[in-house]
Every structure is written in C-alpha cells, then in structure tokens.
Amino acid sequence: MPAATESEIEEVCARIREISRGELTPKTETELRKLAFVLRIAITRHVKLAKSSLTTKKSAIEARDPEQS
C-alpha cells in the first residue's frame, strides 16, 4: 500500500473521530464535510497509486517470465 497516502488517510480519519466525539454544531458539521471531501480525494489517490504499483509489478513479472502471461 502506498505509505504516504495511507498516512494521510489515517490522519484525516483520526481528525474525523476527534470531531465526532463532540457536539455537532454548524461549525463542526462544516469541518466534517470538508474532511469527508479531503478523505475522498486521499482514497482516490491511494487507489490510483496502488493500481499503478500493481501494474508495474505485473509488467515486471511478465518481462521476467513471459510464459506466465
């Protein structure tokens, strides 16, 4: 898993958990919505990086052993 994006996702989730423990106010609701947006972006980036990594690994395996393709 891409470590940089994994760390970012964990940080956003921790902040969401922290805010969720308190009272829901218009200000915290706005912050939660912003964090949800940031989380969606981080997850999308994480998935893209993971797919790219797997594609690279697949290509390396195919180059090393073309009969496995």
N, C-alpha and C. Protein backbone atom coordinates (compact mmCIF):
# COMPACT_ATOMS: atom_id res chain seq x y z
N MET A 1 0.84 -1.18 0.00
CA MET A 1 0.00 0.00 0.00
C MET A 1 0.88 1.24 0.00
N PRO A 2 0.48 2.26 -0.72
CA PRO A 2 1.25 3.49 -0.72
C PRO A 2 1.25 4.13 0.67
N ALA A 3 2.42 4.22 1.27
CA ALA A 3 2.54 4.69 2.65
C ALA A 3 2.14 6.15 2.84
N ALA A 4 2.49 6.99 1.89
CA ALA A 4 2.18 8.42 2.03
C ALA A 4 0.68 8.66 2.08
N THR A 5 -0.05 8.05 1.18
CA THR A 5 -1.50 8.25 1.17
C THR A 5 -2.16 7.52 2.32
N GLU A 6 -1.61 6.39 2.71
CA GLU A 6 -2.16 5.66 3.86
C GLU A 6 -2.07 6.51 5.11
N SER A 7 -0.94 7.17 5.28
CA SER A 7 -0.74 8.05 6.43
C SER A 7 -1.72 9.22 6.39
N GLU A 8 -1.91 9.80 5.22
CA GLU A 8 -2.84 10.91 5.07
C GLU A 8 -4.26 10.48 5.43
N ILE A 9 -4.66 9.31 4.96
CA ILE A 9 -5.99 8.79 5.26
C ILE A 9 -6.16 8.58 6.76
N GLU A 10 -5.15 8.02 7.40
CA GLU A 10 -5.21 7.80 8.85
C GLU A 10 -5.34 9.12 9.61
N GLU A 11 -4.62 10.13 9.18
CA GLU A 11 -4.69 11.44 9.84
C GLU A 11 -6.07 12.06 9.70
N VAL A 12 -6.65 11.98 8.52
CA VAL A 12 -7.98 12.54 8.30
C VAL A 12 -9.01 11.77 9.13
N CYS A 13 -8.90 10.45 9.15
CA CYS A 13 -9.83 9.63 9.95
C CYS A 13 -9.71 9.95 11.43
N ALA A 14 -8.50 10.15 11.90
CA ALA A 14 -8.30 10.50 13.32
C ALA A 14 -8.97 11.83 13.64
N ARG A 15 -8.84 12.79 12.74
CA ARG A 15 -9.47 14.10 12.96
C ARG A 15 -10.99 13.97 12.93
N ILE A 16 -11.51 13.16 12.05
CA ILE A 16 -12.96 12.94 11.98
C ILE A 16 -13.45 12.30 13.28
N ARG A 17 -12.72 11.29 13.77
CA ARG A 17 -13.10 10.65 15.03
C ARG A 17 -13.09 11.65 16.18
N GLU A 18 -12.07 12.49 16.20
CA GLU A 18 -11.94 13.50 17.26
C GLU A 18 -13.12 14.46 17.25
N ILE A 19 -13.46 14.97 16.07
CA ILE A 19 -14.58 15.91 15.95
C ILE A 19 -15.89 15.22 16.28
N SER A 20 -16.04 13.96 15.89
CA SER A 20 -17.30 13.24 16.08
C SER A 20 -17.60 12.97 17.55
N ARG A 21 -16.61 13.04 18.39
CA ARG A 21 -16.84 12.81 19.83
C ARG A 21 -17.55 13.99 20.49
N GLY A 22 -17.44 15.14 19.87
CA GLY A 22 -18.03 16.35 20.44
C GLY A 22 -19.44 16.59 19.94
N GLU A 23 -19.92 17.76 20.32
CA GLU A 23 -21.27 18.16 19.92
C GLU A 23 -21.26 18.58 18.46
N LEU A 24 -22.33 18.22 17.76
CA LEU A 24 -22.45 18.61 16.36
C LEU A 24 -23.02 20.02 16.29
N THR A 25 -22.21 20.91 15.80
CA THR A 25 -22.62 22.30 15.61
C THR A 25 -22.48 22.62 14.13
N PRO A 26 -23.01 23.74 13.69
CA PRO A 26 -22.82 24.10 12.28
C PRO A 26 -21.33 24.17 11.90
N LYS A 27 -20.51 24.65 12.81
CA LYS A 27 -19.08 24.74 12.53
C LYS A 27 -18.44 23.36 12.40
N THR A 28 -18.77 22.43 13.31
CA THR A 28 -18.18 21.09 13.22
C THR A 28 -18.74 20.32 12.04
N GLU A 29 -20.01 20.56 11.71
CA GLU A 29 -20.59 19.90 10.53
C GLU A 29 -19.86 20.35 9.26
N THR A 30 -19.58 21.64 9.17
CA THR A 30 -18.84 22.16 8.02
C THR A 30 -17.45 21.54 7.96
N GLU A 31 -16.80 21.45 9.10
CA GLU A 31 -15.46 20.85 9.13
C GLU A 31 -15.51 19.37 8.75
N LEU A 32 -16.52 18.66 9.22
CA LEU A 32 -16.66 17.24 8.86
C LEU A 32 -16.89 17.08 7.36
N ARG A 33 -17.68 17.95 6.78
CA ARG A 33 -17.92 17.89 5.33
C ARG A 33 -16.63 18.14 4.55
N LYS A 34 -15.83 19.09 5.01
CA LYS A 34 -14.54 19.37 4.37
C LYS A 34 -13.62 18.17 4.50
N LEU A 35 -13.59 17.57 5.68
CA LEU A 35 -12.74 16.41 5.90
C LEU A 35 -13.20 15.21 5.05
N ALA A 36 -14.50 15.07 4.88
CA ALA A 36 -15.02 13.99 4.04
C ALA A 36 -14.56 14.18 2.60
N PHE A 37 -14.56 15.42 2.14
CA PHE A 37 -14.08 15.73 0.79
C PHE A 37 -12.59 15.39 0.66
N VAL A 38 -11.81 15.80 1.66
CA VAL A 38 -10.37 15.51 1.66
C VAL A 38 -10.14 14.00 1.70
N LEU A 39 -10.95 13.29 2.48
CA LEU A 39 -10.81 11.84 2.59
C LEU A 39 -11.11 11.16 1.25
N ARG A 40 -12.15 11.61 0.57
CA ARG A 40 -12.46 11.04 -0.75
C ARG A 40 -11.30 11.24 -1.73
N ILE A 41 -10.72 12.41 -1.72
CA ILE A 41 -9.58 12.67 -2.60
C ILE A 41 -8.40 11.78 -2.23
N ALA A 42 -8.11 11.66 -0.93
CA ALA A 42 -6.99 10.83 -0.49
C ALA A 42 -7.20 9.36 -0.86
N ILE A 43 -8.41 8.87 -0.70
CA ILE A 43 -8.70 7.48 -1.05
C ILE A 43 -8.56 7.26 -2.55
N THR A 44 -9.06 8.20 -3.34
CA THR A 44 -8.93 8.09 -4.80
C THR A 44 -7.46 8.06 -5.20
N ARG A 45 -6.67 8.95 -4.62
CA ARG A 45 -5.24 8.99 -4.92
C ARG A 45 -4.56 7.69 -4.48
N HIS A 46 -4.96 7.18 -3.32
CA HIS A 46 -4.40 5.94 -2.79
C HIS A 46 -4.68 4.77 -3.74
N VAL A 47 -5.91 4.68 -4.21
CA VAL A 47 -6.29 3.60 -5.13
C VAL A 47 -5.53 3.71 -6.44
N LYS A 48 -5.40 4.93 -6.97
CA LYS A 48 -4.65 5.12 -8.22
C LYS A 48 -3.20 4.70 -8.06
N LEU A 49 -2.58 5.09 -6.95
CA LEU A 49 -1.18 4.70 -6.70
C LEU A 49 -1.05 3.18 -6.54
N ALA A 50 -1.99 2.57 -5.85
CA ALA A 50 -1.95 1.12 -5.66
C ALA A 50 -2.10 0.40 -7.00
N LYS A 51 -3.04 0.86 -7.84
CA LYS A 51 -3.23 0.25 -9.16
C LYS A 51 -1.97 0.40 -10.01
N SER A 52 -1.38 1.58 -9.97
CA SER A 52 -0.16 1.82 -10.73
C SER A 52 0.96 0.90 -10.27
N SER A 53 1.08 0.74 -8.97
CA SER A 53 2.10 -0.14 -8.41
C SER A 53 1.89 -1.58 -8.86
N LEU A 54 0.63 -2.02 -8.82
CA LEU A 54 0.34 -3.39 -9.24
C LEU A 54 0.58 -3.59 -10.72
N THR A 55 0.27 -2.58 -11.53
CA THR A 55 0.53 -2.67 -12.96
C THR A 55 2.02 -2.78 -13.23
N THR A 56 2.80 -1.99 -12.52
CA THR A 56 4.26 -2.03 -12.67
C THR A 56 4.80 -3.41 -12.27
N LYS A 57 4.30 -3.93 -11.15
CA LYS A 57 4.74 -5.26 -10.70
C LYS A 57 4.35 -6.34 -11.71
N LYS A 58 3.14 -6.23 -12.25
CA LYS A 58 2.68 -7.19 -13.24
C LYS A 58 3.59 -7.15 -14.47
N SER A 59 3.93 -5.96 -14.93
CA SER A 59 4.80 -5.81 -16.10
C SER A 59 6.18 -6.41 -15.83
N ALA A 60 6.68 -6.20 -14.64
CA ALA A 60 7.99 -6.75 -14.29
C ALA A 60 7.96 -8.27 -14.27
N ILE A 61 6.88 -8.83 -13.75
CA ILE A 61 6.74 -10.29 -13.72
C ILE A 61 6.62 -10.84 -15.14
N GLU A 62 5.83 -10.17 -15.96
CA GLU A 62 5.66 -10.62 -17.34
C GLU A 62 6.97 -10.52 -18.12
N ALA A 63 7.75 -9.51 -17.86
CA ALA A 63 9.03 -9.34 -18.54
C ALA A 63 10.02 -10.43 -18.11
N ARG A 64 9.93 -10.81 -16.86
CA ARG A 64 10.83 -11.83 -16.33
C ARG A 64 10.41 -13.22 -16.78
N ASP A 65 9.11 -13.46 -16.87
CA ASP A 65 8.61 -14.79 -17.22
C ASP A 65 7.43 -14.65 -18.17
N PRO A 66 7.69 -14.42 -19.47
CA PRO A 66 6.61 -14.15 -20.43
C PRO A 66 5.61 -15.32 -20.57
N GLU A 67 6.00 -16.52 -20.23
CA GLU A 67 5.08 -17.65 -20.35
C GLU A 67 3.95 -17.59 -19.33
N GLN A 68 4.10 -16.81 -18.27
CA GLN A 68 3.07 -16.69 -17.25
C GLN A 68 1.93 -15.75 -17.67
N SER A 69 2.11 -15.02 -18.76
CA SER A 69 1.10 -14.03 -19.20
C SER A 69 -0.12 -14.71 -19.75
